[in-house]
């Protein structure tokens, strides 16, 4: 009978543990990617950090979120929400311009749909992982002030609910159970930030 080798056993146990951790993280990463592919975020960049510019940014936010809530009423997928956003960019920009005008601001606004990078964002009762998201990007004036961002599809911004995240399926559990995955969210953020850094020549 062969003698039991404790060192081989310890190495095997360590390998199994590392493999289990990597597998778990891989599954978490896949769920994060599913979240990113099924969410449309909104990113509003203020003209400056003055109190007046920051306040009107929030008024623009309210007006745009209300408008998109109306056009997204029957949306069931990110694809349809994104297409509707693109089709209504002129109207969205008109909403921004009208809000600025009503509040006495002379500068212009611009709206577009594109990819934007976000770090891990903790909301009141859900968390979104870092990475690139399809986004409605609105620039007010010179766009040099602090920005505001949230999720407009599924709507969880103003008057919305984290329950709306269930539209994207079981992977929404990652977002709605932030405490359970706190360390993993941090690891994903580190990984995503490493990926976006330009390589040195």
Protein backbone atom coordinates (compact mmCIF):
# COMPACT_ATOMS: atom_id res chain seq x y z
CA UNK A 1 0.00 0.00 0.00
CA UNK A 2 1.33 3.37 -1.07
CA UNK A 3 2.15 5.88 1.64
CA UNK A 4 -0.18 8.86 1.78
CA UNK A 5 1.62 11.97 0.50
CA UNK A 6 0.43 15.01 2.44
CA UNK A 7 2.25 17.45 0.16
CA UNK A 8 0.52 16.16 -2.97
CA UNK A 9 -2.79 16.31 -1.12
CA UNK A 10 -2.18 19.92 -0.03
CA UNK A 11 -1.23 20.95 -3.57
CA UNK A 12 -4.29 19.25 -4.99
CA UNK A 13 -6.50 20.95 -2.44
CA UNK A 14 -4.93 24.34 -3.22
CA UNK A 15 -5.36 23.77 -6.96
CA UNK A 16 -9.01 22.83 -6.46
CA UNK A 17 -9.57 25.95 -4.35
CA UNK A 18 -7.92 28.27 -6.90
CA UNK A 19 -9.84 26.63 -9.74
CA UNK A 20 -13.10 27.05 -7.84
CA UNK A 21 -12.40 30.76 -7.19
CA UNK A 22 -11.48 31.39 -10.84
CA UNK A 23 -14.56 29.55 -12.06
CA UNK A 24 -16.77 31.53 -9.70
CA UNK A 25 -15.22 34.82 -10.85
CA UNK A 26 -15.61 33.80 -14.50
CA UNK A 27 -19.32 33.20 -13.95
CA UNK A 28 -19.64 36.54 -12.19
CA UNK A 29 -17.81 38.25 -15.06
CA UNK A 30 -20.19 36.66 -17.56
CA UNK A 31 -23.17 37.94 -15.57
CA UNK A 32 -21.63 41.43 -15.52
CA UNK A 33 -21.22 41.31 -19.29
CA UNK A 34 -24.86 40.30 -19.69
CA UNK A 35 -25.86 43.28 -17.57
CA UNK A 36 -23.80 45.64 -19.72
CA UNK A 37 -25.35 44.28 -22.91
CA UNK A 38 -28.90 44.78 -21.69
CA UNK A 39 -28.77 48.24 -20.12
CA UNK A 40 -28.97 51.72 -21.63
CA UNK A 41 -27.42 54.37 -19.41
CA UNK A 42 -27.77 58.13 -19.51
CA UNK A 43 -24.81 60.44 -19.05
CA UNK A 44 -25.44 64.18 -18.68
CA UNK A 45 -22.38 66.44 -18.57
CA UNK A 46 -22.95 69.90 -17.08
CA UNK A 47 -21.58 73.09 -18.61
CA UNK A 48 -19.52 73.80 -15.47
CA UNK A 49 -19.44 73.14 -11.74
CA UNK A 50 -21.21 76.38 -10.86
CA UNK A 51 -24.30 75.94 -8.68
CA UNK A 52 -26.53 77.29 -11.46
CA UNK A 53 -25.12 74.95 -14.12
CA UNK A 54 -25.35 71.95 -11.81
CA UNK A 55 -28.95 72.78 -10.89
CA UNK A 56 -30.08 73.12 -14.51
CA UNK A 57 -28.33 69.82 -15.28
CA UNK A 58 -30.75 68.15 -12.87
CA UNK A 59 -33.71 69.90 -14.48
CA UNK A 60 -32.57 68.61 -17.87
CA UNK A 61 -32.26 65.17 -16.29
CA UNK A 62 -35.85 65.26 -15.04
CA UNK A 63 -37.18 66.35 -18.42
CA UNK A 64 -35.20 63.78 -20.43
CA UNK A 65 -35.96 60.87 -18.11
CA UNK A 66 -39.67 61.74 -18.25
CA UNK A 67 -39.52 61.86 -22.06
CA UNK A 68 -37.68 58.54 -22.40
CA UNK A 69 -40.01 56.84 -19.94
CA UNK A 70 -42.84 57.70 -22.33
CA UNK A 71 -41.14 56.42 -25.48
CA UNK A 72 -39.87 53.25 -23.77
CA UNK A 73 -43.29 52.18 -22.46
CA UNK A 74 -43.55 49.12 -24.70
CA UNK A 75 -39.85 48.30 -24.98
CA UNK A 76 -38.80 44.77 -24.10
CA UNK A 77 -35.17 44.82 -25.24
CA UNK A 78 -32.15 47.11 -25.23
CA UNK A 79 -32.15 46.93 -29.04
CA UNK A 80 -35.60 48.51 -29.28
CA UNK A 81 -34.82 51.10 -26.59
CA UNK A 82 -31.59 52.09 -28.32
CA UNK A 83 -33.29 52.36 -31.72
CA UNK A 84 -36.05 54.52 -30.27
CA UNK A 85 -33.44 56.73 -28.63
CA UNK A 86 -31.61 57.19 -31.94
CA UNK A 87 -34.89 57.92 -33.74
CA UNK A 88 -35.80 60.53 -31.14
CA UNK A 89 -32.42 62.26 -30.73
CA UNK A 90 -33.73 65.49 -32.24
CA UNK A 91 -36.69 65.48 -29.86
CA UNK A 92 -34.43 64.67 -26.90
CA UNK A 93 -32.15 67.54 -27.82
CA UNK A 94 -35.22 69.79 -28.18
CA UNK A 95 -36.30 68.81 -24.66
CA UNK A 96 -32.83 69.77 -23.38
CA UNK A 97 -32.82 73.06 -25.32
CA UNK A 98 -36.29 74.00 -24.11
CA UNK A 99 -35.36 73.28 -20.49
CA UNK A 100 -32.22 75.40 -20.78
CA UNK A 101 -34.18 78.23 -22.43
CA UNK A 102 -36.97 78.15 -19.83
CA UNK A 103 -34.37 78.55 -17.10
CA UNK A 104 -32.50 81.38 -18.79
CA UNK A 105 -29.39 79.54 -19.99
CA UNK A 106 -28.02 80.69 -23.36
CA UNK A 107 -25.79 77.73 -24.19
CA UNK A 108 -26.65 74.79 -26.42
CA UNK A 109 -26.94 71.05 -25.80
CA UNK A 110 -26.02 68.01 -27.87
CA UNK A 111 -27.29 64.45 -27.59
CA UNK A 112 -25.90 61.25 -29.06
CA UNK A 113 -25.90 57.50 -28.49
CA UNK A 114 -22.53 55.84 -27.98
CA UNK A 115 -20.34 53.74 -25.70
CA UNK A 116 -19.24 55.26 -22.40
CA UNK A 117 -17.03 53.81 -19.69
CA UNK A 118 -18.33 53.77 -16.13
CA UNK A 119 -16.60 52.70 -12.93
CA UNK A 120 -18.55 50.55 -10.49
CA UNK A 121 -21.59 52.57 -9.48
CA UNK A 122 -23.45 51.98 -6.23
CA UNK A 123 -27.03 53.21 -6.16
CA UNK A 124 -29.36 53.07 -3.18
CA UNK A 125 -30.36 49.45 -3.61
CA UNK A 126 -28.39 48.09 -6.54
CA UNK A 127 -24.89 48.20 -8.01
CA UNK A 128 -23.67 48.16 -11.61
CA UNK A 129 -20.24 46.77 -12.54
CA UNK A 130 -17.53 48.80 -14.23
CA UNK A 131 -17.19 48.66 -18.00
CA UNK A 132 -18.46 50.09 -21.26
CA UNK A 133 -22.20 50.61 -21.66
CA UNK A 134 -24.44 51.80 -24.47
CA UNK A 135 -25.38 55.28 -23.36
CA UNK A 136 -27.40 58.36 -24.19
CA UNK A 137 -24.75 61.05 -23.79
CA UNK A 138 -25.92 64.65 -23.34
CA UNK A 139 -23.47 67.53 -23.26
CA UNK A 140 -24.63 70.89 -21.94
CA UNK A 141 -22.73 73.95 -23.12
CA UNK A 142 -18.98 73.37 -22.86
CA UNK A 143 -19.48 70.12 -20.96
CA UNK A 144 -16.76 70.86 -18.39
CA UNK A 145 -18.75 70.22 -15.21
CA UNK A 146 -19.48 67.18 -13.10
CA UNK A 147 -21.77 64.70 -14.76
CA UNK A 148 -24.83 62.73 -13.73
CA UNK A 149 -25.62 59.22 -14.84
CA UNK A 150 -28.18 56.51 -14.28
CA UNK A 151 -30.10 53.80 -16.17
CA UNK A 152 -32.93 54.80 -18.48
CA UNK A 153 -33.56 51.30 -19.79
CA UNK A 154 -34.80 49.44 -17.85
CA UNK A 155 -35.94 52.58 -16.03
CA UNK A 156 -34.45 52.77 -12.55
CA UNK A 157 -33.71 56.51 -12.38
CA UNK A 158 -36.51 58.78 -11.26
CA UNK A 159 -39.64 57.05 -10.12
CA UNK A 160 -38.21 53.77 -11.36
CA UNK A 161 -37.49 50.65 -9.38
CA UNK A 162 -34.75 48.07 -9.16
CA UNK A 163 -37.55 45.59 -9.88
CA UNK A 164 -37.38 46.82 -13.48
CA UNK A 165 -33.93 45.26 -13.73
CA UNK A 166 -35.64 41.86 -13.71
CA UNK A 167 -36.45 42.53 -17.36
CA UNK A 168 -32.93 41.47 -18.20
CA UNK A 169 -33.32 38.06 -16.55
CA UNK A 170 -31.54 36.13 -13.82
CA UNK A 171 -28.31 38.13 -14.22
CA UNK A 172 -30.10 41.08 -12.61
CA UNK A 173 -29.43 39.31 -9.28
CA UNK A 174 -25.82 40.49 -9.56
CA UNK A 175 -26.98 44.11 -9.55
CA UNK A 176 -29.65 43.76 -6.90
CA UNK A 177 -27.51 41.89 -4.37
CA UNK A 178 -24.51 44.26 -4.13
CA UNK A 179 -23.34 43.27 -0.63
CA UNK A 180 -23.04 39.64 -1.68
CA UNK A 181 -20.65 40.50 -4.51
CA UNK A 182 -18.81 43.55 -3.14
CA UNK A 183 -15.29 42.13 -3.52
CA UNK A 184 -16.05 40.77 -6.98
CA UNK A 185 -17.36 44.14 -8.13
CA UNK A 186 -14.03 45.65 -7.05
CA UNK A 187 -12.04 43.00 -8.91
CA UNK A 188 -14.11 43.58 -12.06
CA UNK A 189 -13.48 47.33 -11.79
CA UNK A 190 -9.71 46.78 -11.52
CA UNK A 191 -9.78 44.40 -14.49
CA UNK A 192 -11.92 46.70 -16.68
CA UNK A 193 -9.71 49.71 -15.89
CA UNK A 194 -6.62 47.70 -16.82
CA UNK A 195 -8.19 46.77 -20.16
CA UNK A 196 -9.01 50.36 -21.10
CA UNK A 197 -5.51 51.73 -20.46
CA UNK A 198 -3.62 52.27 -23.74
CA UNK A 199 -0.69 49.95 -24.26
CA UNK A 200 2.76 51.50 -24.22
CA UNK A 201 4.70 51.23 -27.45
